N, C-alpha and C. Protein backbone atom coordinates (compact mmCIF):
# COMPACT_ATOMS: atom_id res chain seq x y z
N MET A 1 35.28 22.40 -4.26
CA MET A 1 36.04 21.89 -3.12
C MET A 1 37.28 21.17 -3.63
N THR A 2 38.46 21.61 -3.23
CA THR A 2 39.69 21.02 -3.71
C THR A 2 40.06 19.81 -2.90
N GLU A 3 40.92 18.95 -3.50
CA GLU A 3 41.33 17.74 -2.80
C GLU A 3 42.23 18.07 -1.63
N SER A 4 42.91 19.26 -1.70
CA SER A 4 43.83 19.63 -0.63
C SER A 4 43.12 20.19 0.58
N MET A 5 41.79 20.44 0.50
CA MET A 5 41.04 20.98 1.62
C MET A 5 41.04 19.98 2.76
N THR A 6 41.32 20.45 3.96
CA THR A 6 41.40 19.55 5.11
C THR A 6 40.03 19.10 5.54
N LYS A 7 39.99 18.07 6.39
CA LYS A 7 38.73 17.55 6.91
C LYS A 7 38.00 18.61 7.71
N ASP A 8 38.74 19.38 8.55
CA ASP A 8 38.11 20.43 9.36
C ASP A 8 37.52 21.50 8.48
N GLU A 9 38.23 21.85 7.39
CA GLU A 9 37.72 22.87 6.48
C GLU A 9 36.45 22.40 5.79
N ARG A 10 36.40 21.11 5.44
CA ARG A 10 35.19 20.57 4.83
C ARG A 10 34.04 20.60 5.82
N GLY A 11 34.34 20.30 7.10
CA GLY A 11 33.30 20.35 8.12
C GLY A 11 32.76 21.75 8.30
N ASP A 12 33.65 22.76 8.27
CA ASP A 12 33.21 24.13 8.40
C ASP A 12 32.32 24.52 7.23
N LEU A 13 32.69 24.05 6.03
CA LEU A 13 31.89 24.38 4.86
C LEU A 13 30.51 23.75 4.96
N ASP A 14 30.44 22.50 5.45
CA ASP A 14 29.15 21.83 5.60
C ASP A 14 28.26 22.59 6.57
N ARG A 15 28.85 23.06 7.67
CA ARG A 15 28.06 23.76 8.67
C ARG A 15 27.56 25.10 8.16
N SER A 16 28.30 25.68 7.21
CA SER A 16 27.90 26.98 6.69
C SER A 16 26.80 26.87 5.65
N ASP A 17 26.57 25.68 5.14
CA ASP A 17 25.56 25.46 4.12
C ASP A 17 24.32 24.87 4.78
N PRO A 18 23.17 25.59 4.77
CA PRO A 18 21.96 25.10 5.48
C PRO A 18 21.53 23.71 5.04
N ARG A 19 21.61 23.43 3.74
CA ARG A 19 21.16 22.13 3.26
C ARG A 19 22.05 21.00 3.78
N SER A 20 23.36 21.20 3.71
CA SER A 20 24.29 20.18 4.21
C SER A 20 24.14 20.02 5.71
N ARG A 21 24.01 21.16 6.41
CA ARG A 21 23.83 21.12 7.86
C ARG A 21 22.59 20.32 8.23
N ALA A 22 21.49 20.58 7.51
CA ALA A 22 20.24 19.87 7.79
C ALA A 22 20.37 18.39 7.48
N ASP A 23 21.02 18.07 6.37
CA ASP A 23 21.17 16.68 5.95
C ASP A 23 21.98 15.88 6.96
N GLN A 24 22.98 16.53 7.55
CA GLN A 24 23.85 15.85 8.50
C GLN A 24 23.24 15.76 9.90
N SER A 25 22.17 16.50 10.14
CA SER A 25 21.61 16.56 11.50
C SER A 25 20.58 15.47 11.78
N VAL A 26 20.15 14.74 10.75
CA VAL A 26 19.17 13.67 10.95
C VAL A 26 19.74 12.34 10.49
N ALA A 27 19.10 11.28 10.90
CA ALA A 27 19.56 9.93 10.56
C ALA A 27 19.63 9.75 9.04
N LEU A 28 20.65 9.01 8.60
CA LEU A 28 20.82 8.77 7.18
C LEU A 28 19.66 7.97 6.60
N ARG A 29 19.15 7.03 7.39
CA ARG A 29 17.99 6.22 6.98
C ARG A 29 16.91 6.34 8.04
N PHE A 30 15.71 6.65 7.62
CA PHE A 30 14.58 6.75 8.54
C PHE A 30 13.95 5.38 8.74
N THR A 31 13.65 5.05 9.98
CA THR A 31 12.91 3.83 10.29
C THR A 31 11.43 4.05 9.96
N ARG A 32 10.64 2.97 10.04
CA ARG A 32 9.21 3.11 9.80
C ARG A 32 8.59 4.10 10.78
N LEU A 33 9.02 4.03 12.03
CA LEU A 33 8.49 4.93 13.05
C LEU A 33 8.80 6.38 12.73
N MET A 34 10.01 6.66 12.30
CA MET A 34 10.41 8.03 11.99
C MET A 34 9.61 8.57 10.82
N LYS A 35 9.40 7.75 9.81
CA LYS A 35 8.60 8.18 8.65
C LYS A 35 7.15 8.42 9.08
N ALA A 36 6.62 7.52 9.88
CA ALA A 36 5.23 7.63 10.31
C ALA A 36 4.99 8.89 11.13
N SER A 37 6.00 9.33 11.88
CA SER A 37 5.84 10.50 12.73
C SER A 37 5.61 11.78 11.93
N THR A 38 5.97 11.79 10.66
CA THR A 38 5.83 13.00 9.86
C THR A 38 4.45 13.15 9.24
N SER A 39 3.59 12.15 9.40
CA SER A 39 2.27 12.19 8.77
C SER A 39 1.15 11.90 9.76
N PRO A 40 0.02 12.59 9.62
CA PRO A 40 -1.13 12.28 10.50
C PRO A 40 -1.69 10.89 10.25
N TYR A 41 -1.36 10.31 9.10
CA TYR A 41 -1.84 8.96 8.76
C TYR A 41 -0.79 7.90 9.06
N GLY A 42 0.35 8.31 9.57
CA GLY A 42 1.42 7.37 9.85
C GLY A 42 1.03 6.30 10.85
N VAL A 43 0.10 6.63 11.75
CA VAL A 43 -0.35 5.66 12.75
C VAL A 43 -0.94 4.42 12.09
N LEU A 44 -1.45 4.57 10.87
CA LEU A 44 -2.06 3.42 10.18
C LEU A 44 -1.02 2.41 9.70
N THR A 45 0.27 2.76 9.81
CA THR A 45 1.32 1.80 9.46
C THR A 45 1.87 1.11 10.70
N ASP A 46 1.35 1.48 11.87
CA ASP A 46 1.83 0.90 13.13
C ASP A 46 1.40 -0.57 13.20
N PRO A 47 2.33 -1.51 13.36
CA PRO A 47 1.98 -2.94 13.36
C PRO A 47 0.85 -3.33 14.31
N PRO A 48 0.82 -2.87 15.56
CA PRO A 48 -0.32 -3.23 16.44
C PRO A 48 -1.66 -2.75 15.89
N VAL A 49 -1.68 -1.54 15.32
CA VAL A 49 -2.92 -1.02 14.75
C VAL A 49 -3.37 -1.86 13.57
N VAL A 50 -2.42 -2.22 12.71
CA VAL A 50 -2.73 -3.06 11.55
C VAL A 50 -3.23 -4.43 12.01
N ALA A 51 -2.58 -4.97 13.03
CA ALA A 51 -2.95 -6.30 13.52
C ALA A 51 -4.36 -6.31 14.10
N VAL A 52 -4.70 -5.28 14.89
CA VAL A 52 -6.03 -5.20 15.49
C VAL A 52 -7.11 -5.05 14.42
N ALA A 53 -6.86 -4.16 13.46
CA ALA A 53 -7.84 -3.93 12.39
C ALA A 53 -8.04 -5.19 11.56
N THR A 54 -6.95 -5.90 11.29
CA THR A 54 -7.05 -7.14 10.51
C THR A 54 -7.81 -8.20 11.29
N ALA A 55 -7.54 -8.29 12.60
CA ALA A 55 -8.20 -9.30 13.43
C ALA A 55 -9.71 -9.07 13.48
N ILE A 56 -10.12 -7.81 13.60
CA ILE A 56 -11.55 -7.49 13.65
C ILE A 56 -12.24 -7.89 12.35
N SER A 57 -11.59 -7.56 11.23
CA SER A 57 -12.16 -7.91 9.92
C SER A 57 -12.21 -9.43 9.74
N LEU A 58 -11.16 -10.12 10.19
CA LEU A 58 -11.10 -11.57 10.05
C LEU A 58 -12.18 -12.24 10.88
N MET A 59 -12.38 -11.78 12.10
CA MET A 59 -13.41 -12.36 12.96
C MET A 59 -14.81 -12.12 12.37
N SER A 60 -15.01 -10.94 11.79
CA SER A 60 -16.30 -10.63 11.18
C SER A 60 -16.56 -11.55 9.99
N MET A 61 -15.52 -11.80 9.21
CA MET A 61 -15.65 -12.67 8.05
C MET A 61 -15.94 -14.11 8.47
N LEU A 62 -15.23 -14.60 9.50
CA LEU A 62 -15.46 -15.96 9.97
C LEU A 62 -16.86 -16.12 10.56
N ALA A 63 -17.33 -15.07 11.24
CA ALA A 63 -18.67 -15.11 11.81
C ALA A 63 -19.72 -15.15 10.71
N ALA A 64 -19.48 -14.40 9.64
CA ALA A 64 -20.41 -14.38 8.51
C ALA A 64 -20.49 -15.75 7.87
N ARG A 65 -19.37 -16.42 7.74
CA ARG A 65 -19.37 -17.77 7.17
C ARG A 65 -20.10 -18.75 8.08
N GLN A 66 -19.86 -18.60 9.38
CA GLN A 66 -20.49 -19.50 10.35
C GLN A 66 -22.00 -19.35 10.33
N LEU A 67 -22.46 -18.13 10.08
CA LEU A 67 -23.90 -17.85 10.07
C LEU A 67 -24.51 -18.01 8.67
N ALA A 68 -23.71 -18.53 7.75
CA ALA A 68 -24.18 -18.76 6.38
C ALA A 68 -24.73 -17.48 5.74
N ALA A 69 -23.99 -16.41 5.89
CA ALA A 69 -24.38 -15.12 5.30
C ALA A 69 -24.27 -15.22 3.78
N PRO A 70 -24.96 -14.33 3.05
CA PRO A 70 -24.86 -14.33 1.58
C PRO A 70 -23.41 -14.22 1.13
N SER A 71 -23.11 -14.87 0.02
CA SER A 71 -21.73 -14.91 -0.47
C SER A 71 -21.17 -13.51 -0.74
N SER A 72 -22.03 -12.58 -1.16
CA SER A 72 -21.56 -11.23 -1.45
C SER A 72 -21.02 -10.56 -0.19
N ILE A 73 -21.67 -10.83 0.95
CA ILE A 73 -21.21 -10.25 2.22
C ILE A 73 -19.89 -10.88 2.64
N VAL A 74 -19.80 -12.19 2.47
CA VAL A 74 -18.56 -12.89 2.83
C VAL A 74 -17.40 -12.38 1.99
N VAL A 75 -17.63 -12.22 0.69
CA VAL A 75 -16.57 -11.71 -0.20
C VAL A 75 -16.14 -10.30 0.21
N ALA A 76 -17.12 -9.48 0.56
CA ALA A 76 -16.82 -8.10 0.97
C ALA A 76 -15.99 -8.10 2.25
N LEU A 77 -16.33 -8.97 3.19
CA LEU A 77 -15.58 -9.04 4.44
C LEU A 77 -14.18 -9.60 4.22
N GLU A 78 -14.04 -10.52 3.26
CA GLU A 78 -12.71 -11.03 2.92
C GLU A 78 -11.83 -9.91 2.38
N ALA A 79 -12.42 -9.06 1.55
CA ALA A 79 -11.67 -7.93 1.00
C ALA A 79 -11.27 -6.96 2.11
N MET A 80 -12.18 -6.76 3.07
CA MET A 80 -11.88 -5.85 4.18
C MET A 80 -10.76 -6.38 5.06
N THR A 81 -10.62 -7.72 5.09
CA THR A 81 -9.55 -8.32 5.88
C THR A 81 -8.18 -7.91 5.33
N LEU A 82 -8.10 -7.75 4.02
CA LEU A 82 -6.83 -7.37 3.40
C LEU A 82 -6.59 -5.86 3.42
N LEU A 83 -7.64 -5.10 3.69
CA LEU A 83 -7.54 -3.64 3.60
C LEU A 83 -6.50 -3.02 4.52
N PRO A 84 -6.45 -3.39 5.82
CA PRO A 84 -5.46 -2.75 6.70
C PRO A 84 -4.02 -2.96 6.24
N VAL A 85 -3.70 -4.17 5.80
CA VAL A 85 -2.34 -4.47 5.35
C VAL A 85 -2.04 -3.71 4.06
N THR A 86 -3.02 -3.69 3.14
CA THR A 86 -2.83 -2.98 1.88
C THR A 86 -2.64 -1.48 2.11
N LEU A 87 -3.47 -0.92 2.98
CA LEU A 87 -3.37 0.50 3.29
C LEU A 87 -2.03 0.83 3.93
N ALA A 88 -1.58 -0.02 4.84
CA ALA A 88 -0.29 0.21 5.49
C ALA A 88 0.85 0.18 4.47
N ALA A 89 0.77 -0.75 3.51
CA ALA A 89 1.81 -0.86 2.48
C ALA A 89 1.83 0.38 1.60
N VAL A 90 0.65 0.86 1.20
CA VAL A 90 0.56 2.05 0.35
C VAL A 90 1.09 3.27 1.09
N LEU A 91 0.71 3.42 2.35
CA LEU A 91 1.18 4.57 3.14
C LEU A 91 2.69 4.52 3.35
N THR A 92 3.22 3.33 3.54
CA THR A 92 4.66 3.17 3.72
C THR A 92 5.41 3.66 2.48
N LEU A 93 4.88 3.33 1.32
CA LEU A 93 5.49 3.81 0.06
C LEU A 93 5.36 5.32 -0.05
N THR A 94 4.20 5.84 0.33
CA THR A 94 3.97 7.28 0.27
C THR A 94 4.94 8.04 1.17
N LEU A 95 5.28 7.44 2.30
CA LEU A 95 6.15 8.10 3.27
C LEU A 95 7.64 7.90 2.98
N SER A 96 7.94 7.28 1.85
CA SER A 96 9.35 7.03 1.52
C SER A 96 10.15 8.32 1.36
N GLY A 97 9.48 9.42 1.05
CA GLY A 97 10.18 10.69 0.90
C GLY A 97 10.20 11.53 2.16
N ALA A 98 9.89 10.92 3.30
CA ALA A 98 9.79 11.67 4.57
C ALA A 98 11.11 12.34 4.93
N ARG A 99 12.20 11.64 4.77
CA ARG A 99 13.50 12.22 5.15
C ARG A 99 13.80 13.48 4.36
N ALA A 100 13.56 13.43 3.06
CA ALA A 100 13.82 14.60 2.21
C ALA A 100 12.98 15.79 2.64
N ARG A 101 11.73 15.52 3.03
CA ARG A 101 10.85 16.61 3.46
C ARG A 101 11.32 17.21 4.78
N VAL A 102 11.80 16.36 5.69
CA VAL A 102 12.32 16.86 6.96
C VAL A 102 13.57 17.71 6.72
N VAL A 103 14.45 17.23 5.87
CA VAL A 103 15.67 17.98 5.56
C VAL A 103 15.33 19.32 4.91
N ASP A 104 14.36 19.31 4.00
CA ASP A 104 13.93 20.57 3.37
C ASP A 104 13.47 21.58 4.42
N TRP A 105 12.68 21.10 5.38
CA TRP A 105 12.18 22.01 6.41
C TRP A 105 13.32 22.53 7.29
N LEU A 106 14.19 21.65 7.72
CA LEU A 106 15.31 22.06 8.56
C LEU A 106 16.19 23.08 7.85
N ALA A 107 16.39 22.90 6.55
CA ALA A 107 17.22 23.82 5.77
C ALA A 107 16.56 25.19 5.62
N SER A 108 15.23 25.22 5.71
CA SER A 108 14.51 26.49 5.54
C SER A 108 14.51 27.35 6.80
N VAL A 109 14.83 26.75 7.94
CA VAL A 109 14.85 27.48 9.21
C VAL A 109 16.16 28.26 9.30
N PRO A 110 16.12 29.53 9.75
CA PRO A 110 17.33 30.36 9.75
C PRO A 110 18.36 30.03 10.84
N PHE A 111 18.12 28.98 11.60
CA PHE A 111 19.07 28.55 12.62
C PHE A 111 18.97 27.03 12.73
N PRO A 112 20.02 26.36 13.22
CA PRO A 112 19.98 24.89 13.33
C PRO A 112 18.95 24.42 14.36
N VAL A 113 18.24 23.36 14.01
CA VAL A 113 17.34 22.68 14.96
C VAL A 113 17.93 21.29 15.14
N GLU A 114 18.53 21.07 16.29
CA GLU A 114 19.27 19.84 16.55
C GLU A 114 18.41 18.78 17.25
N ASN A 115 18.80 17.53 17.02
CA ASN A 115 18.19 16.36 17.67
C ASN A 115 16.74 16.14 17.25
N MET A 116 16.43 16.41 15.98
CA MET A 116 15.11 16.08 15.47
C MET A 116 14.90 14.58 15.42
N ASN A 117 15.99 13.81 15.44
CA ASN A 117 15.86 12.36 15.49
C ASN A 117 15.02 11.92 16.70
N ALA A 118 15.20 12.62 17.82
CA ALA A 118 14.44 12.28 19.03
C ALA A 118 12.96 12.48 18.79
N VAL A 119 12.58 13.61 18.19
CA VAL A 119 11.17 13.89 17.91
C VAL A 119 10.59 12.83 17.00
N LEU A 120 11.33 12.47 15.97
CA LEU A 120 10.84 11.48 15.00
C LEU A 120 10.73 10.08 15.61
N ASN A 121 11.44 9.87 16.71
CA ASN A 121 11.35 8.58 17.41
C ASN A 121 10.42 8.66 18.62
N GLY A 122 9.62 9.73 18.69
CA GLY A 122 8.62 9.84 19.74
C GLY A 122 9.15 10.31 21.07
N LEU A 123 10.28 11.04 21.07
CA LEU A 123 10.88 11.52 22.31
C LEU A 123 11.00 13.04 22.28
N GLY A 124 11.30 13.62 23.43
CA GLY A 124 11.52 15.06 23.51
C GLY A 124 10.42 15.76 24.27
N GLU A 125 10.81 16.49 25.32
CA GLU A 125 9.84 17.21 26.15
C GLU A 125 10.01 18.73 26.08
N THR A 126 11.24 19.17 25.79
CA THR A 126 11.50 20.61 25.77
C THR A 126 12.37 21.00 24.60
N LEU A 127 12.35 22.31 24.29
CA LEU A 127 13.26 22.90 23.31
C LEU A 127 14.23 23.81 24.06
N GLU A 128 15.50 23.56 23.91
CA GLU A 128 16.51 24.42 24.51
C GLU A 128 16.98 25.41 23.45
N VAL A 129 16.73 26.68 23.71
CA VAL A 129 17.04 27.73 22.74
C VAL A 129 18.28 28.49 23.21
N GLN A 130 19.30 28.52 22.37
CA GLN A 130 20.52 29.26 22.68
C GLN A 130 20.53 30.56 21.88
N PHE A 131 20.54 31.68 22.59
CA PHE A 131 20.53 32.99 21.94
C PHE A 131 21.95 33.51 21.76
N ALA A 132 22.11 34.39 20.77
CA ALA A 132 23.42 34.97 20.51
C ALA A 132 23.74 36.09 21.49
N ALA A 133 22.71 36.75 21.99
CA ALA A 133 22.92 37.86 22.94
C ALA A 133 21.83 37.81 24.00
N ASP A 134 21.22 38.95 24.29
CA ASP A 134 20.21 39.01 25.34
C ASP A 134 18.98 38.19 25.00
N LEU A 135 18.35 37.63 26.04
CA LEU A 135 17.12 36.86 25.89
C LEU A 135 15.90 37.79 25.84
N PRO A 136 14.86 37.38 25.12
CA PRO A 136 13.58 38.09 25.26
C PRO A 136 13.02 37.75 26.63
N THR A 137 12.07 38.49 27.12
CA THR A 137 11.48 38.19 28.43
C THR A 137 10.61 36.93 28.33
N SER A 138 10.54 36.20 29.43
CA SER A 138 9.71 35.00 29.46
C SER A 138 8.25 35.35 29.22
N GLU A 139 7.81 36.51 29.74
CA GLU A 139 6.43 36.94 29.56
C GLU A 139 6.09 37.13 28.09
N ALA A 140 7.01 37.76 27.36
CA ALA A 140 6.77 38.01 25.93
C ALA A 140 6.75 36.70 25.15
N VAL A 141 7.65 35.80 25.49
CA VAL A 141 7.70 34.51 24.79
C VAL A 141 6.46 33.69 25.11
N ASN A 142 6.04 33.69 26.36
CA ASN A 142 4.85 32.93 26.75
C ASN A 142 3.59 33.41 26.02
N LEU A 143 3.50 34.70 25.77
CA LEU A 143 2.36 35.22 25.03
C LEU A 143 2.29 34.61 23.63
N GLU A 144 3.44 34.44 23.00
CA GLU A 144 3.49 33.84 21.67
C GLU A 144 3.28 32.33 21.73
N LEU A 145 3.82 31.71 22.75
CA LEU A 145 3.67 30.25 22.89
C LEU A 145 2.22 29.88 23.11
N ASP A 146 1.50 30.71 23.84
CA ASP A 146 0.10 30.44 24.12
C ASP A 146 -0.75 30.43 22.86
N LYS A 147 -0.28 31.11 21.81
CA LYS A 147 -1.00 31.12 20.54
C LYS A 147 -0.88 29.77 19.83
N VAL A 148 0.17 29.04 20.15
CA VAL A 148 0.35 27.69 19.59
C VAL A 148 -0.45 26.69 20.40
N HIS A 149 -0.24 26.69 21.72
CA HIS A 149 -1.00 25.80 22.60
C HIS A 149 -0.80 26.25 24.04
N SER A 150 -1.82 26.10 24.84
CA SER A 150 -1.75 26.53 26.24
C SER A 150 -0.77 25.70 27.07
N ASP A 151 -0.41 24.51 26.59
CA ASP A 151 0.53 23.66 27.32
C ASP A 151 1.99 24.00 27.02
N CYS A 152 2.20 24.97 26.15
CA CYS A 152 3.57 25.38 25.82
C CYS A 152 3.92 26.64 26.62
N PHE A 153 5.06 26.60 27.31
CA PHE A 153 5.48 27.76 28.09
C PHE A 153 6.96 27.65 28.43
N VAL A 154 7.54 28.77 28.83
CA VAL A 154 8.95 28.80 29.22
C VAL A 154 9.11 28.11 30.57
N THR A 155 9.97 27.11 30.61
CA THR A 155 10.21 26.38 31.87
C THR A 155 11.46 26.88 32.58
N GLN A 156 12.38 27.47 31.82
CA GLN A 156 13.61 27.96 32.44
C GLN A 156 14.21 29.04 31.56
N ALA A 157 14.69 30.10 32.18
CA ALA A 157 15.41 31.16 31.48
C ALA A 157 16.70 31.44 32.22
N ALA A 158 17.83 31.33 31.51
CA ALA A 158 19.14 31.56 32.13
C ALA A 158 19.85 32.67 31.35
N PRO A 159 19.59 33.94 31.71
CA PRO A 159 20.18 35.06 30.98
C PRO A 159 21.70 35.03 30.94
N GLU A 160 22.32 34.58 32.03
CA GLU A 160 23.78 34.55 32.07
C GLU A 160 24.36 33.54 31.08
N GLU A 161 23.57 32.53 30.73
CA GLU A 161 23.99 31.52 29.75
C GLU A 161 23.36 31.76 28.38
N ARG A 162 22.54 32.82 28.30
CA ARG A 162 21.83 33.15 27.06
C ARG A 162 21.00 31.95 26.57
N ARG A 163 20.35 31.28 27.51
CA ARG A 163 19.63 30.05 27.21
C ARG A 163 18.22 30.09 27.77
N MET A 164 17.30 29.51 27.03
CA MET A 164 15.90 29.41 27.47
C MET A 164 15.36 28.04 27.10
N GLU A 165 14.55 27.47 28.01
CA GLU A 165 13.93 26.18 27.73
C GLU A 165 12.42 26.35 27.62
N ILE A 166 11.86 25.69 26.61
CA ILE A 166 10.43 25.80 26.32
C ILE A 166 9.80 24.41 26.34
N ARG A 167 8.70 24.28 27.04
CA ARG A 167 7.98 23.00 27.10
C ARG A 167 7.22 22.77 25.80
N ILE A 168 7.43 21.60 25.19
CA ILE A 168 6.73 21.25 23.96
C ILE A 168 5.25 21.03 24.25
N GLY A 169 4.95 20.37 25.36
CA GLY A 169 3.58 20.27 25.82
C GLY A 169 2.68 19.30 25.09
N VAL A 170 3.21 18.14 24.71
CA VAL A 170 2.39 17.09 24.10
C VAL A 170 2.26 15.95 25.10
N VAL A 171 1.04 15.64 25.49
CA VAL A 171 0.79 14.60 26.47
C VAL A 171 0.77 13.23 25.78
N GLU A 172 1.53 12.31 26.32
CA GLU A 172 1.62 10.96 25.74
C GLU A 172 0.28 10.24 25.86
N SER A 173 -0.15 9.63 24.75
CA SER A 173 -1.38 8.86 24.75
C SER A 173 -1.09 7.43 25.21
N LYS A 174 -1.77 6.98 26.27
CA LYS A 174 -1.56 5.61 26.76
C LYS A 174 -2.23 4.58 25.86
N ARG A 175 -3.36 4.96 25.25
CA ARG A 175 -4.08 4.02 24.39
C ARG A 175 -3.42 3.85 23.03
N ASN A 176 -2.93 4.96 22.49
CA ASN A 176 -2.34 4.91 21.17
C ASN A 176 -1.13 5.85 21.11
N PRO A 177 0.00 5.41 21.69
CA PRO A 177 1.18 6.27 21.72
C PRO A 177 1.69 6.67 20.35
N ALA A 178 1.41 5.85 19.32
CA ALA A 178 1.89 6.17 17.97
C ALA A 178 1.29 7.48 17.47
N SER A 179 0.05 7.78 17.88
CA SER A 179 -0.59 9.01 17.44
C SER A 179 0.07 10.24 18.05
N THR A 180 0.71 10.07 19.20
CA THR A 180 1.38 11.18 19.88
C THR A 180 2.62 11.62 19.12
N ASN A 181 3.25 10.69 18.41
CA ASN A 181 4.50 11.01 17.73
C ASN A 181 4.32 12.11 16.69
N HIS A 182 3.26 12.00 15.90
CA HIS A 182 3.02 13.04 14.89
C HIS A 182 2.63 14.36 15.56
N ALA A 183 1.87 14.28 16.63
CA ALA A 183 1.48 15.49 17.35
C ALA A 183 2.71 16.23 17.86
N ARG A 184 3.69 15.49 18.38
CA ARG A 184 4.92 16.12 18.89
C ARG A 184 5.71 16.72 17.73
N TYR A 185 5.80 16.01 16.63
CA TYR A 185 6.52 16.51 15.45
C TYR A 185 5.90 17.81 14.96
N GLU A 186 4.59 17.84 14.84
CA GLU A 186 3.90 19.05 14.38
C GLU A 186 4.03 20.19 15.38
N ARG A 187 3.99 19.86 16.67
CA ARG A 187 4.12 20.89 17.69
C ARG A 187 5.49 21.57 17.60
N VAL A 188 6.52 20.78 17.44
CA VAL A 188 7.87 21.34 17.31
C VAL A 188 7.95 22.26 16.10
N ARG A 189 7.40 21.82 15.00
CA ARG A 189 7.40 22.66 13.79
C ARG A 189 6.67 23.98 14.04
N GLN A 190 5.53 23.90 14.69
CA GLN A 190 4.75 25.10 14.97
C GLN A 190 5.50 26.05 15.90
N LEU A 191 6.13 25.50 16.93
CA LEU A 191 6.88 26.34 17.87
C LEU A 191 8.04 27.04 17.17
N VAL A 192 8.70 26.31 16.29
CA VAL A 192 9.83 26.91 15.57
C VAL A 192 9.34 27.97 14.58
N GLU A 193 8.36 27.61 13.75
CA GLU A 193 7.91 28.51 12.69
C GLU A 193 7.15 29.73 13.21
N ARG A 194 6.24 29.51 14.17
CA ARG A 194 5.35 30.59 14.60
C ARG A 194 5.90 31.43 15.75
N VAL A 195 6.85 30.85 16.50
CA VAL A 195 7.36 31.58 17.66
C VAL A 195 8.85 31.91 17.53
N LEU A 196 9.68 30.90 17.35
CA LEU A 196 11.12 31.13 17.40
C LEU A 196 11.67 31.86 16.18
N VAL A 197 11.17 31.55 15.00
CA VAL A 197 11.67 32.27 13.81
C VAL A 197 11.36 33.76 13.89
N PRO A 198 10.12 34.17 14.23
CA PRO A 198 9.87 35.61 14.40
C PRO A 198 10.72 36.25 15.50
N ILE A 199 10.91 35.53 16.62
CA ILE A 199 11.72 36.06 17.70
C ILE A 199 13.17 36.27 17.26
N SER A 200 13.66 35.38 16.40
CA SER A 200 15.06 35.45 15.98
C SER A 200 15.38 36.71 15.18
N SER A 201 14.35 37.38 14.66
CA SER A 201 14.60 38.61 13.91
C SER A 201 15.03 39.75 14.82
N THR A 202 14.65 39.70 16.08
CA THR A 202 15.04 40.74 17.05
C THR A 202 16.00 40.21 18.11
N HIS A 203 15.97 38.91 18.36
CA HIS A 203 16.88 38.28 19.31
C HIS A 203 17.50 37.06 18.61
N PRO A 204 18.62 37.27 17.89
CA PRO A 204 19.23 36.20 17.10
C PRO A 204 19.42 34.91 17.89
N ILE A 205 19.06 33.79 17.24
CA ILE A 205 19.18 32.46 17.87
C ILE A 205 20.35 31.71 17.27
N VAL A 206 21.19 31.16 18.13
CA VAL A 206 22.34 30.36 17.68
C VAL A 206 21.88 29.00 17.21
N ASP A 207 21.09 28.32 18.06
CA ASP A 207 20.52 27.03 17.68
C ASP A 207 19.40 26.65 18.65
N VAL A 208 18.66 25.64 18.27
CA VAL A 208 17.58 25.08 19.08
C VAL A 208 17.82 23.59 19.18
N ARG A 209 17.71 23.05 20.37
CA ARG A 209 17.95 21.61 20.57
C ARG A 209 16.77 20.97 21.29
N VAL A 210 16.33 19.84 20.76
CA VAL A 210 15.27 19.07 21.40
C VAL A 210 15.87 18.27 22.54
N LYS A 211 15.22 18.34 23.70
CA LYS A 211 15.74 17.60 24.87
C LYS A 211 14.61 16.76 25.46
């Protein structure tokens, strides 16, 4: 890349390179929530979950002391009190490479997947798919979506705009919303890998956007 290359030319080059495109499409720094969304164990780093687990262990330990339980039991309960915090710290370190893994996946997809930041922050209900030409039929797409999950289906097809919307189909958990975040992230990956990538071989896709 020469110094005389204009800003627009550099932007075009970035968009033509899958790795650069993927790197620019997600947040530069992932929050704890975004990192946690990429792992089935990420919920264990959620502060409310850690606080509840610690409180239960602490109350058990205090009760054991009050009842004059054997010292070995008290020591074991004291250790368990530290376990949730320790586990959360270890998992947080393990998830430090989450952004790189997300970028790797985005770069491997043959078309841009935009607004993954929303998914990583626990948002997003549909995938808006922009096709280069004619759309596949909703019936054909629904047959493939059903293989991923019965709650996934085409919600809108606009042939004149070469656009189709697909329901992600993850129901928010009222008891533990943090667990829903990873489910949504995995669902999006499955929809892209198992449905949209194969479809793109016969019906080229311009991009996919989370909405």
